[in-house]
Amino acid sequence: MLGCRPVLFRADAAFAKPEVYEYLEPRHIGYAIRLPANEVLLEGKYALNWTRLSCHRFDANQVRLQLFILAYNLGNLLRRLTLPKAVKD
């Protein structure tokens, strides 16, 4: 096949349902689906400004977000290992 391109699917939070993922994944369709707001995502959003992905390329923003997540998880690990029980949470 000439000019074969991957199929990609992008959607808002209304499509964040297991049926959609179950349809896309076995067909190797790439996807980006926004997750519905929840307390865990809001804590991360405000803790590290996850919304500040200002790079011009998708790949660069993806790496930047992964670094933010790594920093967040590392901070949580260190907090749990080093802080006294009274202030861990």
Protein backbone atom coordinates (compact mmCIF):
# COMPACT_ATOMS: atom_id res chain seq x y z
CA MET A 1 0.00 0.00 0.00
CA LEU A 2 1.28 3.43 -0.88
CA GLY A 3 0.77 6.27 1.56
CA CYS A 4 -0.48 4.05 4.38
CA ARG A 5 -1.05 6.19 7.47
CA PRO A 6 -1.87 5.18 11.01
CA VAL A 7 -5.45 5.72 12.16
CA LEU A 8 -5.77 8.06 15.15
CA PHE A 9 -8.79 8.87 17.32
CA ARG A 10 -9.10 11.98 19.48
CA ALA A 11 -12.06 12.68 21.75
CA ASP A 12 -13.29 14.58 24.78
CA ALA A 13 -14.20 13.13 28.18
CA ALA A 14 -17.62 11.92 26.99
CA PHE A 15 -15.83 9.10 25.11
CA ALA A 16 -13.70 7.94 28.08
CA LYS A 17 -15.55 4.64 28.36
CA PRO A 18 -14.20 1.09 28.49
CA GLU A 19 -16.14 0.12 25.35
CA VAL A 20 -14.27 2.74 23.33
CA TYR A 21 -10.84 1.57 24.55
CA GLU A 22 -11.81 -2.06 23.99
CA TYR A 23 -12.73 -1.24 20.40
CA LEU A 24 -9.61 0.82 19.60
CA GLU A 25 -6.82 -1.19 21.21
CA PRO A 26 -7.15 -4.54 19.39
CA ARG A 27 -7.34 -2.65 16.10
CA HIS A 28 -4.10 -0.77 16.91
CA ILE A 29 -5.84 2.58 16.56
CA GLY A 30 -3.92 5.30 18.39
CA TYR A 31 -6.03 7.49 20.65
CA ALA A 32 -6.01 10.54 22.87
CA ILE A 33 -9.12 10.76 25.01
CA ARG A 34 -9.53 13.35 27.71
CA LEU A 35 -10.32 11.87 31.11
CA PRO A 36 -13.23 13.22 33.16
CA ALA A 37 -12.18 15.50 35.99
CA ASN A 38 -11.57 13.80 39.32
CA GLU A 39 -9.80 14.65 42.58
CA VAL A 40 -6.60 12.81 41.67
CA LEU A 41 -6.20 14.64 38.38
CA LEU A 42 -7.09 18.01 39.93
CA GLU A 43 -4.47 17.48 42.73
CA GLY A 44 -1.84 16.79 40.00
CA LYS A 45 -3.00 19.68 37.82
CA TYR A 46 -2.68 22.22 40.59
CA ALA A 47 0.36 20.67 42.27
CA LEU A 48 2.62 20.81 39.21
CA ASN A 49 0.81 23.01 36.69
CA TRP A 50 0.24 20.06 34.34
CA THR A 51 -1.73 22.39 32.11
CA ARG A 52 1.45 24.30 31.22
CA LEU A 53 2.47 22.23 28.22
CA SER A 54 3.55 25.01 25.92
CA CYS A 55 5.88 23.15 23.56
CA HIS A 56 4.92 23.36 19.90
CA ARG A 57 5.26 19.63 19.19
CA PHE A 58 3.09 16.85 20.61
CA ASP A 59 6.13 14.66 21.35
CA ALA A 60 7.81 17.42 23.33
CA ASN A 61 4.66 17.99 25.40
CA GLN A 62 4.39 14.25 26.00
CA VAL A 63 7.95 14.12 27.37
CA ARG A 64 7.33 17.21 29.47
CA LEU A 65 4.19 15.69 30.99
CA GLN A 66 6.02 12.44 31.74
CA LEU A 67 8.75 14.41 33.52
CA PHE A 68 6.12 16.22 35.59
CA ILE A 69 4.55 12.89 36.56
CA LEU A 70 7.93 11.42 37.45
CA ALA A 71 8.73 14.45 39.63
CA TYR A 72 5.32 14.23 41.32
CA ASN A 73 5.72 10.52 42.07
CA LEU A 74 9.28 10.99 43.29
CA GLY A 75 8.13 13.77 45.61
CA ASN A 76 5.39 11.51 47.02
CA LEU A 77 7.86 8.68 47.54
CA LEU A 78 10.34 10.90 49.36
CA ARG A 79 7.57 12.44 51.45
CA ARG A 80 6.37 9.01 52.57
CA LEU A 81 9.86 7.74 53.33
CA THR A 82 11.23 10.73 55.21
CA LEU A 83 8.47 12.70 56.89
CA PRO A 84 7.19 11.85 60.36
CA LYS A 85 3.80 10.12 60.48
CA ALA A 86 2.07 13.22 61.81
CA VAL A 87 2.75 15.23 58.64
CA LYS A 88 2.93 12.52 55.93
CA ASP A 89 -0.56 13.17 54.65
